[in-house]
Structure formats: C-alpha cells, structure tokens
C-alpha cells in the first residue's frame, strides 16, 4: 500500500512538471532577452556625436595641443618651435644738468615770456625768434631780424629748439590751437631733423590776474594737450610752473608785477632751471641715471 502511494505521488509530480515546463521555459527566455537588451549599446548613428556635459568630445582634436604642420605639410612639435618674438621695450630717456654751453646751438621760439628770457636771462649764446603776442596760428606773419619763420629754421641747423606758445591763444578753440601748435612742431621736425625739440608748458598767471578768458584751469588744459605732442624721443615736454607756482598752483605774486610775466630778476632762475633739463642732442640717448618723468597737468573740467 505504501509503495502504491509513492508511485502515485511520483506520477502526479511528473505530470505537473510536464504541464508547467512550457511556461517556465518561456519565462526564462523572456527574462534573458530583456537583460540582453539592457546590456547591449546600439552603435552610434553616422554624422552625430554625443558628449557628456563638461567633457570635450573625444573625436575633436584639441587645437591648443595638436601638432601644427609647416607650410610644406611637415608636422612641428609646438614644444620645439622657437618663441614668438616680442617688441623691444621703449628706451627711457633722462634729463641731466648741463651748463650754458649746452645752448650754443639752441633756438628759442615764443611770445613775451621768451622775450623776457632773451632780454633778462643768462642764455645769451642762443638764438631767438620771439615777439610780444606771438601765436602759433600766426607764426608765419612774424618777421624777426629780417627773417620769417621758414627762413629762420632753414638758415642753420640747431641741436635744440625750445618752443613756448599758447598764452595768447588760451581764449581760442582748444582743438584749433592744438592743430596749429602741432603744425609748428611738425615743421620744426621736418626742417631740423637733428634737433631735440623742447615743448614748454605755458606759465601760469597769478590769482589776481585770472579772468574769464585767461585762467589757470584753461592754461592747464592747453598744457595737457601740448604735452601730448611729446614722444620722449625727439620731442620732450617741460614745465617751468614747478619753479614759479605758489602752494595753490598760481604764479607766485612776489615773482610778478602784472600777474602774467616774471620780474626781470627771476628770468635767471628760469635759465638755471633749463640747464637741469638737458639731453644729448646728437643721439637723444640718456646721459645719466635720472629718469625723466613729465610734469602732470590738470585738465579743464
């Protein structure tokens, strides 16, 4: 009896397995296919590329590190290429102190302040082309010692030329005045190619001499425009106001009687100061270790 029951259970188990096996095998096959789909990566489509955000595409060469070819197609390793040439630094020029002989080949051009240097100063060995009221816009109307401006600058070669104009033009349009002033400088450079040109800032007026037409504010602005003509190679800007100004930036009252021109005794001081602003006229090269720094001027607000 016991053996019969075992055979019956065995038959039922076999029958169950036979009936259930198709379903079990189907489920195993389906699960295996789905897993395979998750693992497989489809091949990329032609003409497209996918990148991860923040990462450079692997198929695009980095231009900063790629080997660059020569004109004939030969690759060059950037690490072996010669360095890119850089521009040579601009030379630094200097002012030094000289003596009166420095002005043996000098020419002074200017208005009444320059007339004062000629009449009361100590630089009697220089040449002068100056008159009361001279202006850059009317310089061709001037005749000094029988010569006009062009005749004078063609008469001999100068080593240094000092130019001071503008106080009589400070009431004019500034850009017009600058244009006329620049034209004078360019003519000097063309006719006197070997000369050092010193562009002098206009002297301030005293506080009592200021008017609506002539003021230190306007003078400073004009001086700042004139200073821009200097290249510190052949044309240099110098400013005597550092000598004559009071603590407020005005021409010191004790140095003048009319608020515009220094007294005769103070032109020697001007000439002594000019002797401290000398440069080698033949080479325009530094002749000492004192670095030249142009005097800064305020601008008209």
C-alpha atoms as a PDB file:
ATOM      1  CA  UNK A   1       0.000   0.000   0.000  1.00  0.00           C
ATOM      2  CA  UNK A   2       2.799   2.317   0.924  1.00  0.00           C
ATOM      3  CA  UNK A   3       4.574   1.669  -2.388  1.00  0.00           C
ATOM      4  CA  UNK A   4       1.413   2.444  -4.344  1.00  0.00           C
ATOM      5  CA  UNK A   5       1.141   5.890  -2.713  1.00  0.00           C
ATOM      6  CA  UNK A   6       4.750   6.729  -3.602  1.00  0.00           C
ATOM      7  CA  UNK A   7       4.186   5.789  -7.235  1.00  0.00           C
ATOM      8  CA  UNK A   8       1.035   7.889  -7.312  1.00  0.00           C
ATOM      9  CA  UNK A   9       2.911  10.992  -5.975  1.00  0.00           C
ATOM     10  CA  UNK A  10       5.690  10.454  -8.462  1.00  0.00           C
ATOM     11  CA  UNK A  11       3.259  10.307 -11.352  1.00  0.00           C
ATOM     12  CA  UNK A  12       1.477  13.478 -10.195  1.00  0.00           C
ATOM     13  CA  UNK A  13       4.826  15.320  -9.879  1.00  0.00           C
ATOM     14  CA  UNK A  14       5.897  14.273 -13.346  1.00  0.00           C
ATOM     15  CA  UNK A  15       2.549  15.343 -14.766  1.00  0.00           C
ATOM     16  CA  UNK A  16       2.795  18.716 -13.051  1.00  0.00           C
ATOM     17  CA  UNK A  17       6.332  19.289 -14.373  1.00  0.00           C
ATOM     18  CA  UNK A  18       5.236  18.281 -17.856  1.00  0.00           C
ATOM     19  CA  UNK A  19       2.334  20.735 -17.825  1.00  0.00           C
ATOM     20  CA  UNK A  20       4.296  23.598 -16.236  1.00  0.00           C
ATOM     21  CA  UNK A  21       7.568  23.265 -18.162  1.00  0.00           C
ATOM     22  CA  UNK A  22       6.454  25.259 -21.265  1.00  0.00           C
ATOM     23  CA  UNK A  23       5.532  28.226 -19.071  1.00  0.00           C
ATOM     24  CA  UNK A  24       8.800  28.013 -17.111  1.00  0.00           C
ATOM     25  CA  UNK A  25      10.974  27.865 -20.239  1.00  0.00           C
ATOM     26  CA  UNK A  26       9.048  30.775 -21.824  1.00  0.00           C
ATOM     27  CA  UNK A  27       9.600  32.897 -18.744  1.00  0.00           C
ATOM     28  CA  UNK A  28      13.337  32.121 -18.644  1.00  0.00           C
ATOM     29  CA  UNK A  29      13.735  33.025 -22.359  1.00  0.00           C
ATOM     30  CA  UNK A  30      11.833  36.317 -21.944  1.00  0.00           C
ATOM     31  CA  UNK A  31      13.876  37.372 -18.920  1.00  0.00           C
ATOM     32  CA  UNK A  32      17.122  36.558 -20.719  1.00  0.00           C
ATOM     33  CA  UNK A  33      16.141  38.667 -23.777  1.00  0.00           C
ATOM     34  CA  UNK A  34      15.219  41.689 -21.694  1.00  0.00           C
ATOM     35  CA  UNK A  35      18.507  41.525 -19.809  1.00  0.00           C
ATOM     36  CA  UNK A  36      20.406  41.335 -23.077  1.00  0.00           C
ATOM     37  CA  UNK A  37      18.647  44.437 -24.382  1.00  0.00           C
ATOM     38  CA  UNK A  38      19.698  46.380 -21.302  1.00  0.00           C
ATOM     39  CA  UNK A  39      23.357  45.419 -21.675  1.00  0.00           C
ATOM     40  CA  UNK A  40      23.739  45.962 -25.393  1.00  0.00           C
ATOM     41  CA  UNK A  41      24.638  49.540 -26.591  1.00  0.00           C
ATOM     42  CA  UNK A  42      23.352  50.448 -30.038  1.00  0.00           C
ATOM     43  CA  UNK A  43      26.017  51.583 -32.488  1.00  0.00           C
ATOM     44  CA  UNK A  44      26.238  55.412 -32.994  1.00  0.00           C
ATOM     45  CA  UNK A  45      24.466  56.817 -35.971  1.00  0.00           C
ATOM     46  CA  UNK A  46      26.649  58.311 -38.743  1.00  0.00           C
ATOM     47  CA  UNK A  47      27.244  62.042 -38.610  1.00  0.00           C
ATOM     48  CA  UNK A  48      26.369  62.557 -34.967  1.00  0.00           C
ATOM     49  CA  UNK A  49      28.375  62.668 -31.765  1.00  0.00           C
ATOM     50  CA  UNK A  50      27.256  62.670 -28.177  1.00  0.00           C
ATOM     51  CA  UNK A  51      29.245  64.251 -25.389  1.00  0.00           C
ATOM     52  CA  UNK A  52      28.955  64.263 -21.648  1.00  0.00           C
ATOM     53  CA  UNK A  53      28.344  67.793 -20.304  1.00  0.00           C
ATOM     54  CA  UNK A  54      31.612  69.404 -19.203  1.00  0.00           C
ATOM     55  CA  UNK A  55      33.730  66.953 -21.182  1.00  0.00           C
ATOM     56  CA  UNK A  56      35.456  67.607 -24.506  1.00  0.00           C
ATOM     57  CA  UNK A  57      34.372  65.376 -27.386  1.00  0.00           C
ATOM     58  CA  UNK A  58      36.897  62.588 -27.779  1.00  0.00           C
ATOM     59  CA  UNK A  59      36.812  62.773 -31.583  1.00  0.00           C
ATOM     60  CA  UNK A  60      37.586  66.518 -31.789  1.00  0.00           C
ATOM     61  CA  UNK A  61      41.318  67.355 -31.554  1.00  0.00           C
ATOM     62  CA  UNK A  62      42.366  69.974 -29.003  1.00  0.00           C
ATOM     63  CA  UNK A  63      43.775  72.837 -31.093  1.00  0.00           C
ATOM     64  CA  UNK A  64      45.949  74.025 -28.244  1.00  0.00           C
ATOM     65  CA  UNK A  65      47.844  70.756 -28.055  1.00  0.00           C
ATOM     66  CA  UNK A  66      47.630  69.476 -31.614  1.00  0.00           C
ATOM     67  CA  UNK A  67      50.812  69.294 -33.647  1.00  0.00           C
ATOM     68  CA  UNK A  68      50.715  72.041 -36.250  1.00  0.00           C
ATOM     69  CA  UNK A  69      52.104  71.455 -39.773  1.00  0.00           C
ATOM     70  CA  UNK A  70      54.605  73.646 -41.602  1.00  0.00           C
ATOM     71  CA  UNK A  71      53.708  75.148 -44.998  1.00  0.00           C
ATOM     72  CA  UNK A  72      55.142  72.034 -46.694  1.00  0.00           C
ATOM     73  CA  UNK A  73      52.998  69.721 -44.546  1.00  0.00           C
ATOM     74  CA  UNK A  74      55.693  68.560 -42.089  1.00  0.00           C
ATOM     75  CA  UNK A  75      54.368  68.417 -38.523  1.00  0.00           C
ATOM     76  CA  UNK A  76      56.123  70.555 -35.895  1.00  0.00           C
ATOM     77  CA  UNK A  77      56.090  69.798 -32.219  1.00  0.00           C
ATOM     78  CA  UNK A  78      54.979  73.061 -30.535  1.00  0.00           C
ATOM     79  CA  UNK A  79      57.432  72.459 -27.687  1.00  0.00           C
ATOM     80  CA  UNK A  80      60.302  72.642 -30.185  1.00  0.00           C
ATOM     81  CA  UNK A  81      59.103  75.742 -32.027  1.00  0.00           C
ATOM     82  CA  UNK A  82      61.036  78.997 -31.478  1.00  0.00           C
ATOM     83  CA  UNK A  83      59.409  81.517 -29.083  1.00  0.00           C
ATOM     84  CA  UNK A  84      57.226  84.253 -30.520  1.00  0.00           C
ATOM     85  CA  UNK A  85      59.329  87.428 -30.895  1.00  0.00           C
ATOM     86  CA  UNK A  86      58.310  90.337 -28.676  1.00  0.00           C
ATOM     87  CA  UNK A  87      58.703  94.045 -29.326  1.00  0.00           C
ATOM     88  CA  UNK A  88      61.766  95.688 -27.833  1.00  0.00           C
ATOM     89  CA  UNK A  89      60.970  97.892 -24.822  1.00  0.00           C
ATOM     90  CA  UNK A  90      60.893 101.626 -25.360  1.00  0.00           C
ATOM     91  CA  UNK A  91      64.091 103.306 -24.141  1.00  0.00           C
ATOM     92  CA  UNK A  92      63.896 105.523 -21.064  1.00  0.00           C
ATOM     93  CA  UNK A  93      65.408 108.956 -21.586  1.00  0.00           C
ATOM     94  CA  UNK A  94      66.791 111.181 -18.893  1.00  0.00           C
ATOM     95  CA  UNK A  95      67.382 114.816 -18.051  1.00  0.00           C
ATOM     96  CA  UNK A  96      70.661 115.933 -16.548  1.00  0.00           C
ATOM     97  CA  UNK A  97      72.199 119.232 -15.523  1.00  0.00           C
ATOM     98  CA  UNK A  98      74.402 120.974 -18.061  1.00  0.00           C
ATOM     99  CA  UNK A  99      75.946 124.415 -18.353  1.00  0.00           C
ATOM    100  CA  UNK A 100      75.339 127.439 -20.570  1.00  0.00           C
ATOM    101  CA  UNK A 101      77.421 125.952 -23.403  1.00  0.00           C
ATOM    102  CA  UNK A 102      74.610 123.465 -23.984  1.00  0.00           C
ATOM    103  CA  UNK A 103      72.670 126.341 -25.574  1.00  0.00           C
ATOM    104  CA  UNK A 104      75.349 127.288 -28.123  1.00  0.00           C
ATOM    105  CA  UNK A 105      73.246 125.616 -30.838  1.00  0.00           C
ATOM    106  CA  UNK A 106      69.826 126.337 -29.305  1.00  0.00           C
ATOM    107  CA  UNK A 107      66.874 128.285 -30.720  1.00  0.00           C
ATOM    108  CA  UNK A 108      64.112 129.763 -28.567  1.00  0.00           C
ATOM    109  CA  UNK A 109      60.701 130.410 -30.154  1.00  0.00           C
ATOM    110  CA  UNK A 110      57.934 132.118 -28.208  1.00  0.00           C
ATOM    111  CA  UNK A 111      55.887 135.055 -27.023  1.00  0.00           C
ATOM    112  CA  UNK A 112      56.599 137.749 -24.432  1.00  0.00           C
ATOM    113  CA  UNK A 113      57.794 135.252 -21.815  1.00  0.00           C
ATOM    114  CA  UNK A 114      60.515 134.142 -24.230  1.00  0.00           C
ATOM    115  CA  UNK A 115      61.291 137.791 -24.922  1.00  0.00           C
ATOM    116  CA  UNK A 116      61.925 138.026 -21.171  1.00  0.00           C
ATOM    117  CA  UNK A 117      64.397 135.119 -21.343  1.00  0.00           C
ATOM    118  CA  UNK A 118      66.196 136.833 -24.218  1.00  0.00           C
ATOM    119  CA  UNK A 119      66.369 140.235 -22.510  1.00  0.00           C
ATOM    120  CA  UNK A 120      66.884 139.301 -18.858  1.00  0.00           C
ATOM    121  CA  UNK A 121      68.132 135.731 -18.885  1.00  0.00           C
ATOM    122  CA  UNK A 122      71.649 134.335 -18.937  1.00  0.00           C
ATOM    123  CA  UNK A 123      71.433 132.221 -22.114  1.00  0.00           C
ATOM    124  CA  UNK A 124      72.780 134.925 -24.415  1.00  0.00           C
ATOM    125  CA  UNK A 125      74.560 132.397 -26.642  1.00  0.00           C
ATOM    126  CA  UNK A 126      71.261 131.028 -28.018  1.00  0.00           C
ATOM    127  CA  UNK A 127      69.240 132.324 -30.992  1.00  0.00           C
ATOM    128  CA  UNK A 128      65.746 133.763 -30.501  1.00  0.00           C
ATOM    129  CA  UNK A 129      62.649 134.023 -32.666  1.00  0.00           C
ATOM    130  CA  UNK A 130      60.181 135.698 -30.308  1.00  0.00           C
ATOM    131  CA  UNK A 131      57.861 138.683 -30.039  1.00  0.00           C
ATOM    132  CA  UNK A 132      55.156 140.048 -27.765  1.00  0.00           C
ATOM    133  CA  UNK A 133      51.811 138.498 -28.689  1.00  0.00           C
ATOM    134  CA  UNK A 134      53.223 135.707 -30.901  1.00  0.00           C
ATOM    135  CA  UNK A 135      50.747 132.899 -31.617  1.00  0.00           C
ATOM    136  CA  UNK A 136      51.133 129.511 -33.283  1.00  0.00           C
ATOM    137  CA  UNK A 137      48.275 130.288 -35.653  1.00  0.00           C
ATOM    138  CA  UNK A 138      50.002 133.488 -36.863  1.00  0.00           C
ATOM    139  CA  UNK A 139      53.640 132.494 -36.699  1.00  0.00           C
ATOM    140  CA  UNK A 140      54.061 132.997 -40.459  1.00  0.00           C
ATOM    141  CA  UNK A 141      53.204 136.669 -40.028  1.00  0.00           C
ATOM    142  CA  UNK A 142      56.231 137.225 -37.800  1.00  0.00           C
ATOM    143  CA  UNK A 143      59.492 138.748 -39.037  1.00  0.00           C
ATOM    144  CA  UNK A 144      62.399 138.755 -36.591  1.00  0.00           C
ATOM    145  CA  UNK A 145      65.740 140.264 -37.627  1.00  0.00           C
ATOM    146  CA  UNK A 146      64.538 140.372 -41.229  1.00  0.00           C
ATOM    147  CA  UNK A 147      63.582 136.690 -41.416  1.00  0.00           C
ATOM    148  CA  UNK A 148      60.269 134.901 -41.273  1.00  0.00           C
ATOM    149  CA  UNK A 149      59.772 131.538 -39.577  1.00  0.00           C
ATOM    150  CA  UNK A 150      60.680 129.331 -42.555  1.00  0.00           C
ATOM    151  CA  UNK A 151      63.736 131.399 -43.418  1.00  0.00           C
ATOM    152  CA  UNK A 152      64.998 131.169 -39.871  1.00  0.00           C
ATOM    153  CA  UNK A 153      64.624 127.394 -39.483  1.00  0.00           C
ATOM    154  CA  UNK A 154      66.333 126.906 -42.850  1.00  0.00           C
ATOM    155  CA  UNK A 155      69.185 129.294 -42.074  1.00  0.00           C
ATOM    156  CA  UNK A 156      71.208 126.844 -39.959  1.00  0.00           C
ATOM    157  CA  UNK A 157      70.969 123.506 -38.189  1.00  0.00           C
ATOM    158  CA  UNK A 158      70.131 123.620 -34.485  1.00  0.00           C
ATOM    159  CA  UNK A 159      70.782 120.988 -31.857  1.00  0.00           C
ATOM    160  CA  UNK A 160      67.967 122.116 -29.552  1.00  0.00           C
ATOM    161  CA  UNK A 161      64.777 124.097 -30.103  1.00  0.00           C
ATOM    162  CA  UNK A 162      62.633 125.488 -27.263  1.00  0.00           C
ATOM    163  CA  UNK A 163      59.015 126.305 -28.084  1.00  0.00           C
ATOM    164  CA  UNK A 164      56.626 128.185 -25.809  1.00  0.00           C
ATOM    165  CA  UNK A 165      53.374 129.466 -27.309  1.00  0.00           C
ATOM    166  CA  UNK A 166      49.737 129.474 -26.256  1.00  0.00           C
ATOM    167  CA  UNK A 167      49.088 132.082 -23.578  1.00  0.00           C
ATOM    168  CA  UNK A 168      47.751 134.443 -26.254  1.00  0.00           C
ATOM    169  CA  UNK A 169      45.543 131.646 -27.649  1.00  0.00           C
ATOM    170  CA  UNK A 170      44.067 130.244 -24.444  1.00  0.00           C
ATOM    171  CA  UNK A 171      40.783 132.014 -25.208  1.00  0.00           C
ATOM    172  CA  UNK A 172      40.503 130.339 -28.638  1.00  0.00           C
ATOM    173  CA  UNK A 173      39.092 126.935 -29.521  1.00  0.00           C
ATOM    174  CA  UNK A 174      41.446 124.420 -27.950  1.00  0.00           C
ATOM    175  CA  UNK A 175      41.383 121.894 -30.774  1.00  0.00           C
ATOM    176  CA  UNK A 176      42.112 124.594 -33.321  1.00  0.00           C
ATOM    177  CA  UNK A 177      45.009 125.844 -31.210  1.00  0.00           C
ATOM    178  CA  UNK A 178      46.358 122.314 -30.811  1.00  0.00           C
ATOM    179  CA  UNK A 179      46.181 121.789 -34.581  1.00  0.00           C
ATOM    180  CA  UNK A 180      48.162 124.965 -35.205  1.00  0.00           C
ATOM    181  CA  UNK A 181      50.663 124.145 -32.486  1.00  0.00           C
ATOM    182  CA  UNK A 182      51.174 120.636 -33.851  1.00  0.00           C
ATOM    183  CA  UNK A 183      51.799 122.088 -37.318  1.00  0.00           C
ATOM    184  CA  UNK A 184      54.614 124.243 -35.917  1.00  0.00           C
ATOM    185  CA  UNK A 185      56.189 121.205 -34.228  1.00  0.00           C
ATOM    186  CA  UNK A 186      55.939 119.143 -37.421  1.00  0.00           C
ATOM    187  CA  UNK A 187      57.620 121.908 -39.424  1.00  0.00           C
ATOM    188  CA  UNK A 188      60.434 122.059 -36.917  1.00  0.00           C
ATOM    189  CA  UNK A 189      60.895 118.295 -37.122  1.00  0.00           C
ATOM    190  CA  UNK A 190      60.956 118.425 -40.925  1.00  0.00           C
ATOM    191  CA  UNK A 191      63.370 121.373 -41.231  1.00  0.00           C
ATOM    192  CA  UNK A 192      65.509 120.488 -38.206  1.00  0.00           C
ATOM    193  CA  UNK A 193      65.694 116.666 -38.197  1.00  0.00           C
ATOM    194  CA  UNK A 194      68.719 116.575 -35.878  1.00  0.00           C
ATOM    195  CA  UNK A 195      67.315 118.873 -33.210  1.00  0.00           C
ATOM    196  CA  UNK A 196      65.822 117.969 -29.868  1.00  0.00           C
ATOM    197  CA  UNK A 197      62.554 119.885 -29.508  1.00  0.00           C
ATOM    198  CA  UNK A 198      61.543 121.044 -26.038  1.00  0.00           C
ATOM    199  CA  UNK A 199      57.847 121.903 -25.831  1.00  0.00           C
ATOM    200  CA  UNK A 200      57.431 124.213 -22.827  1.00  0.00           C
ATOM    201  CA  UNK A 201      54.217 124.369 -20.856  1.00  0.00           C
ATOM    202  CA  UNK A 202      52.685 127.817 -20.606  1.00  0.00           C
ATOM    203  CA  UNK A 203      53.431 129.756 -17.453  1.00  0.00           C
ATOM    204  CA  UNK A 204      50.551 130.125 -15.009  1.00  0.00           C
ATOM    205  CA  UNK A 205      49.122 133.503 -14.041  1.00  0.00           C
ATOM    206  CA  UNK A 206      48.736 134.774 -10.500  1.00  0.00           C
ATOM    207  CA  UNK A 207      45.415 134.558  -8.678  1.00  0.00           C
ATOM    208  CA  UNK A 208      44.867 138.307  -9.078  1.00  0.00           C
ATOM    209  CA  UNK A 209      45.413 138.109 -12.859  1.00  0.00           C
ATOM    210  CA  UNK A 210      42.831 135.419 -13.609  1.00  0.00           C
ATOM    211  CA  UNK A 211      39.905 136.421 -15.815  1.00  0.00           C
ATOM    212  CA  UNK A 212      37.100 134.628 -17.592  1.00  0.00           C
ATOM    213  CA  UNK A 213      39.362 134.429 -20.670  1.00  0.00           C
ATOM    214  CA  UNK A 214      42.708 133.603 -19.058  1.00  0.00           C
ATOM    215  CA  UNK A 215      42.661 131.208 -16.111  1.00  0.00           C
ATOM    216  CA  UNK A 216      44.995 128.550 -14.814  1.00  0.00           C
ATOM    217  CA  UNK A 217      42.282 125.974 -15.425  1.00  0.00           C
ATOM    218  CA  UNK A 218      42.373 126.777 -19.128  1.00  0.00           C
ATOM    219  CA  UNK A 219      46.164 127.043 -19.154  1.00  0.00           C
ATOM    220  CA  UNK A 220      46.432 123.608 -17.556  1.00  0.00           C
ATOM    221  CA  UNK A 221      44.104 122.124 -20.124  1.00  0.00           C
ATOM    222  CA  UNK A 222      46.030 123.653 -23.021  1.00  0.00           C
ATOM    223  CA  UNK A 223      49.290 122.459 -21.475  1.00  0.00           C
ATOM    224  CA  UNK A 224      47.915 118.929 -21.216  1.00  0.00           C
ATOM    225  CA  UNK A 225      47.146 118.997 -24.952  1.00  0.00           C
ATOM    226  CA  UNK A 226      50.588 120.359 -25.782  1.00  0.00           C
ATOM    227  CA  UNK A 227      52.236 117.717 -23.587  1.00  0.00           C
ATOM    228  CA  UNK A 228      50.606 115.070 -25.775  1.00  0.00           C
ATOM    229  CA  UNK A 229      52.825 116.151 -28.682  1.00  0.00           C
ATOM    230  CA  UNK A 230      55.914 114.818 -26.909  1.00  0.00           C
ATOM    231  CA  UNK A 231      57.205 111.418 -27.974  1.00  0.00           C
ATOM    232  CA  UNK A 232      60.102 111.371 -25.491  1.00  0.00           C
ATOM    233  CA  UNK A 233      62.448 110.578 -28.362  1.00  0.00           C
ATOM    234  CA  UNK A 234      62.870 113.811 -30.268  1.00  0.00           C
ATOM    235  CA  UNK A 235      60.154 115.929 -28.656  1.00  0.00           C
ATOM    236  CA  UNK A 236      60.071 116.472 -24.873  1.00  0.00           C
ATOM    237  CA  UNK A 237      57.638 118.339 -22.657  1.00  0.00           C
ATOM    238  CA  UNK A 238      58.970 120.517 -19.819  1.00  0.00           C
ATOM    239  CA  UNK A 239      57.062 122.814 -17.455  1.00  0.00           C
ATOM    240  CA  UNK A 240      58.549 125.799 -15.584  1.00  0.00           C
ATOM    241  CA  UNK A 241      55.468 126.079 -13.349  1.00  0.00           C
ATOM    242  CA  UNK A 242      57.090 123.735 -10.857  1.00  0.00           C
ATOM    243  CA  UNK A 243      59.543 126.571 -10.142  1.00  0.00           C
ATOM    244  CA  UNK A 244      57.245 129.598 -10.060  1.00  0.00           C
ATOM    245  CA  UNK A 245      53.984 128.244  -8.597  1.00  0.00           C
ATOM    246  CA  UNK A 246      52.804 129.022  -5.096  1.00  0.00           C
ATOM    247  CA  UNK A 247      51.180 126.386  -2.877  1.00  0.00           C
ATOM    248  CA  UNK A 248      47.857 126.841  -4.694  1.00  0.00           C
ATOM    249  CA  UNK A 249      49.193 126.432  -8.213  1.00  0.00           C
ATOM    250  CA  UNK A 250      49.237 130.130  -9.131  1.00  0.00           C
ATOM    251  CA  UNK A 251      52.185 132.207 -10.308  1.00  0.00           C
ATOM    252  CA  UNK A 252      53.652 133.461  -7.042  1.00  0.00           C
ATOM    253  CA  UNK A 253      52.585 137.077  -6.505  1.00  0.00           C
ATOM    254  CA  UNK A 254      56.044 138.108  -5.309  1.00  0.00           C
ATOM    255  CA  UNK A 255      57.571 136.954  -8.611  1.00  0.00           C
ATOM    256  CA  UNK A 256      55.448 139.223 -10.819  1.00  0.00           C
ATOM    257  CA  UNK A 257      54.134 142.756 -11.104  1.00  0.00           C
ATOM    258  CA  UNK A 258      51.382 142.169 -13.626  1.00  0.00           C
ATOM    259  CA  UNK A 259      50.402 138.603 -12.701  1.00  0.00           C
ATOM    260  CA  UNK A 260      51.480 137.291 -16.118  1.00  0.00           C
ATOM    261  CA  UNK A 261      55.224 137.882 -16.547  1.00  0.00           C
ATOM    262  CA  UNK A 262      58.017 137.172 -14.051  1.00  0.00           C
ATOM    263  CA  UNK A 263      60.025 140.107 -12.815  1.00  0.00           C
ATOM    264  CA  UNK A 264      63.346 140.613 -14.624  1.00  0.00           C
ATOM    265  CA  UNK A 265      65.387 139.191 -11.727  1.00  0.00           C
ATOM    266  CA  UNK A 266      63.567 135.836 -11.912  1.00  0.00           C
ATOM    267  CA  UNK A 267      64.446 135.021 -15.510  1.00  0.00           C
ATOM    268  CA  UNK A 268      67.879 133.914 -14.330  1.00  0.00           C
ATOM    269  CA  UNK A 269      66.097 131.312 -12.210  1.00  0.00           C
ATOM    270  CA  UNK A 270      64.274 130.160 -15.346  1.00  0.00           C
ATOM    271  CA  UNK A 271      67.573 129.808 -17.232  1.00  0.00           C
ATOM    272  CA  UNK A 272      69.153 127.884 -14.356  1.00  0.00           C
ATOM    273  CA  UNK A 273      66.197 125.511 -14.391  1.00  0.00           C
ATOM    274  CA  UNK A 274      66.544 124.971 -18.160  1.00  0.00           C
ATOM    275  CA  UNK A 275      70.135 123.871 -17.544  1.00  0.00           C
ATOM    276  CA  UNK A 276      68.785 120.989 -15.440  1.00  0.00           C
ATOM    277  CA  UNK A 277      66.732 119.687 -18.406  1.00  0.00           C
ATOM    278  CA  UNK A 278      69.485 118.801 -20.858  1.00  0.00           C
ATOM    279  CA  UNK A 279      69.666 115.746 -23.122  1.00  0.00           C
ATOM    280  CA  UNK A 280      72.321 114.541 -25.540  1.00  0.00           C
ATOM    281  CA  UNK A 281      71.167 116.326 -28.687  1.00  0.00           C
ATOM    282  CA  UNK A 282      73.078 114.136 -31.150  1.00  0.00           C
ATOM    283  CA  UNK A 283      71.717 110.750 -30.109  1.00  0.00           C
ATOM    284  CA  UNK A 284      68.686 111.566 -27.935  1.00  0.00           C
ATOM    285  CA  UNK A 285      70.111 108.939 -25.610  1.00  0.00           C
ATOM    286  CA  UNK A 286      70.285 109.033 -21.833  1.00  0.00           C
ATOM    287  CA  UNK A 287      73.443 110.595 -20.449  1.00  0.00           C
ATOM    288  CA  UNK A 288      72.680 109.992 -16.758  1.00  0.00           C
ATOM    289  CA  UNK A 289      70.581 107.804 -14.494  1.00  0.00           C
ATOM    290  CA  UNK A 290      67.905 110.348 -13.596  1.00  0.00           C
ATOM    291  CA  UNK A 291      64.661 109.063 -15.113  1.00  0.00           C
ATOM    292  CA  UNK A 292      62.664 111.675 -16.992  1.00  0.00           C
ATOM    293  CA  UNK A 293      59.072 111.986 -15.825  1.00  0.00           C
ATOM    294  CA  UNK A 294      56.853 114.632 -17.492  1.00  0.00           C
ATOM    295  CA  UNK A 295      55.147 117.048 -15.133  1.00  0.00           C
ATOM    296  CA  UNK A 296      51.472 116.157 -14.869  1.00  0.00           C
ATOM    297  CA  UNK A 297      48.970 118.881 -15.642  1.00  0.00           C
ATOM    298  CA  UNK A 298      45.334 119.094 -14.654  1.00  0.00           C
ATOM    299  CA  UNK A 299      42.572 119.109 -17.246  1.00  0.00           C
ATOM    300  CA  UNK A 300      39.715 121.543 -17.717  1.00  0.00           C
ATOM    301  CA  UNK A 301      36.620 120.068 -16.127  1.00  0.00           C
END
